[in-house]
């Protein structure tokens, strides 16, 4: 995940995107870094939300860089709301 770019992720078959998104979600849960809405799935099981959106805006970043930036933005938003 630290080597695949967002551009490569977005070019993958939707089934492969789904597998990677589930892995990312599980990894974040295990690390205790889950942010609500960071990796979400629609009713058809396709990855949606920040993971795909961030990759569309930052295609040259690695998937990990995009995910870390999304987590940091979610943390800041939660802090601002408190």
C-alpha atoms as a PDB file:
ATOM      1  CA  UNK A   1       0.000   0.000   0.000  1.00  0.00           C
ATOM      2  CA  UNK A   2       2.948   2.317   0.452  1.00  0.00           C
ATOM      3  CA  UNK A   3       3.961   1.783  -3.170  1.00  0.00           C
ATOM      4  CA  UNK A   4       0.695   1.760  -5.111  1.00  0.00           C
ATOM      5  CA  UNK A   5      -0.232   5.208  -6.365  1.00  0.00           C
ATOM      6  CA  UNK A   6      -3.725   6.598  -6.285  1.00  0.00           C
ATOM      7  CA  UNK A   7      -3.694   6.577 -10.071  1.00  0.00           C
ATOM      8  CA  UNK A   8      -2.944   2.843 -10.036  1.00  0.00           C
ATOM      9  CA  UNK A   9      -5.631   2.253  -7.409  1.00  0.00           C
ATOM     10  CA  UNK A  10      -8.259   4.081  -9.452  1.00  0.00           C
ATOM     11  CA  UNK A  11      -7.288   2.067 -12.556  1.00  0.00           C
ATOM     12  CA  UNK A  12      -7.924  -1.232 -10.773  1.00  0.00           C
ATOM     13  CA  UNK A  13     -10.975  -3.370 -11.286  1.00  0.00           C
ATOM     14  CA  UNK A  14     -13.690  -2.366  -8.778  1.00  0.00           C
ATOM     15  CA  UNK A  15     -13.415  -5.771  -7.074  1.00  0.00           C
ATOM     16  CA  UNK A  16      -9.709  -5.175  -6.441  1.00  0.00           C
ATOM     17  CA  UNK A  17     -10.420  -1.635  -5.209  1.00  0.00           C
ATOM     18  CA  UNK A  18     -12.937  -3.117  -2.792  1.00  0.00           C
ATOM     19  CA  UNK A  19     -10.426  -5.643  -1.439  1.00  0.00           C
ATOM     20  CA  UNK A  20      -7.824  -2.948  -0.896  1.00  0.00           C
ATOM     21  CA  UNK A  21     -10.344  -0.622   0.737  1.00  0.00           C
ATOM     22  CA  UNK A  22     -11.432  -3.370   3.144  1.00  0.00           C
ATOM     23  CA  UNK A  23      -7.777  -4.042   3.983  1.00  0.00           C
ATOM     24  CA  UNK A  24      -7.159  -0.343   4.618  1.00  0.00           C
ATOM     25  CA  UNK A  25     -10.227  -0.184   6.852  1.00  0.00           C
ATOM     26  CA  UNK A  26      -9.153  -3.251   8.848  1.00  0.00           C
ATOM     27  CA  UNK A  27      -5.608  -1.965   9.185  1.00  0.00           C
ATOM     28  CA  UNK A  28      -6.826   1.370  10.529  1.00  0.00           C
ATOM     29  CA  UNK A  29      -9.162  -0.316  12.998  1.00  0.00           C
ATOM     30  CA  UNK A  30      -6.319  -2.533  14.244  1.00  0.00           C
ATOM     31  CA  UNK A  31      -4.081   0.515  14.718  1.00  0.00           C
ATOM     32  CA  UNK A  32      -6.854   2.446  16.430  1.00  0.00           C
ATOM     33  CA  UNK A  33      -6.713   5.140  13.745  1.00  0.00           C
ATOM     34  CA  UNK A  34     -10.191   4.755  12.370  1.00  0.00           C
ATOM     35  CA  UNK A  35     -11.879   7.959  11.326  1.00  0.00           C
ATOM     36  CA  UNK A  36     -15.575   7.865  10.643  1.00  0.00           C
ATOM     37  CA  UNK A  37     -16.167   8.144   6.927  1.00  0.00           C
ATOM     38  CA  UNK A  38     -12.565   7.595   5.917  1.00  0.00           C
ATOM     39  CA  UNK A  39     -13.256   4.290   4.254  1.00  0.00           C
ATOM     40  CA  UNK A  40     -16.924   3.752   3.670  1.00  0.00           C
ATOM     41  CA  UNK A  41     -18.790   1.400   1.421  1.00  0.00           C
ATOM     42  CA  UNK A  42     -21.985   1.968  -0.484  1.00  0.00           C
ATOM     43  CA  UNK A  43     -24.863  -0.513  -0.597  1.00  0.00           C
ATOM     44  CA  UNK A  44     -23.180  -2.348  -3.460  1.00  0.00           C
ATOM     45  CA  UNK A  45     -19.946  -2.809  -1.536  1.00  0.00           C
ATOM     46  CA  UNK A  46     -17.894  -0.419  -3.638  1.00  0.00           C
ATOM     47  CA  UNK A  47     -15.302   1.767  -1.923  1.00  0.00           C
ATOM     48  CA  UNK A  48     -16.516   5.337  -1.637  1.00  0.00           C
ATOM     49  CA  UNK A  49     -15.812   8.464   0.339  1.00  0.00           C
ATOM     50  CA  UNK A  50     -12.401   9.883   1.141  1.00  0.00           C
ATOM     51  CA  UNK A  51     -10.305   6.986  -0.161  1.00  0.00           C
ATOM     52  CA  UNK A  52     -11.547   7.316  -3.734  1.00  0.00           C
ATOM     53  CA  UNK A  53     -12.132  11.076  -3.587  1.00  0.00           C
ATOM     54  CA  UNK A  54      -8.654  11.796  -2.246  1.00  0.00           C
ATOM     55  CA  UNK A  55      -7.085   9.611  -4.883  1.00  0.00           C
ATOM     56  CA  UNK A  56      -8.911  11.500  -7.605  1.00  0.00           C
ATOM     57  CA  UNK A  57      -7.441  14.782  -6.381  1.00  0.00           C
ATOM     58  CA  UNK A  58      -3.945  13.422  -5.696  1.00  0.00           C
ATOM     59  CA  UNK A  59      -3.277  10.727  -8.309  1.00  0.00           C
ATOM     60  CA  UNK A  60       0.515  10.843  -7.983  1.00  0.00           C
ATOM     61  CA  UNK A  61       0.564  10.244  -4.238  1.00  0.00           C
ATOM     62  CA  UNK A  62       0.727   6.755  -2.880  1.00  0.00           C
ATOM     63  CA  UNK A  63      -2.465   5.293  -1.523  1.00  0.00           C
ATOM     64  CA  UNK A  64      -0.901   5.432   1.932  1.00  0.00           C
ATOM     65  CA  UNK A  65      -0.048   9.140   1.624  1.00  0.00           C
ATOM     66  CA  UNK A  66      -3.595   9.934   0.543  1.00  0.00           C
ATOM     67  CA  UNK A  67      -5.039   7.891   3.388  1.00  0.00           C
ATOM     68  CA  UNK A  68      -2.773   9.495   5.986  1.00  0.00           C
ATOM     69  CA  UNK A  69      -3.728  12.967   4.743  1.00  0.00           C
ATOM     70  CA  UNK A  70      -7.392  12.025   4.982  1.00  0.00           C
ATOM     71  CA  UNK A  71      -6.961  10.728   8.524  1.00  0.00           C
ATOM     72  CA  UNK A  72      -5.166  13.912   9.552  1.00  0.00           C
ATOM     73  CA  UNK A  73      -7.927  16.062   8.062  1.00  0.00           C
ATOM     74  CA  UNK A  74     -10.539  13.999   9.930  1.00  0.00           C
ATOM     75  CA  UNK A  75      -8.628  14.419  13.194  1.00  0.00           C
ATOM     76  CA  UNK A  76      -8.403  18.190  12.723  1.00  0.00           C
ATOM     77  CA  UNK A  77     -12.110  18.396  11.931  1.00  0.00           C
ATOM     78  CA  UNK A  78     -13.007  16.471  15.074  1.00  0.00           C
ATOM     79  CA  UNK A  79     -10.763  18.748  17.170  1.00  0.00           C
ATOM     80  CA  UNK A  80     -12.387  21.835  15.661  1.00  0.00           C
ATOM     81  CA  UNK A  81     -15.849  20.484  16.487  1.00  0.00           C
ATOM     82  CA  UNK A  82     -14.944  20.015  20.159  1.00  0.00           C
END
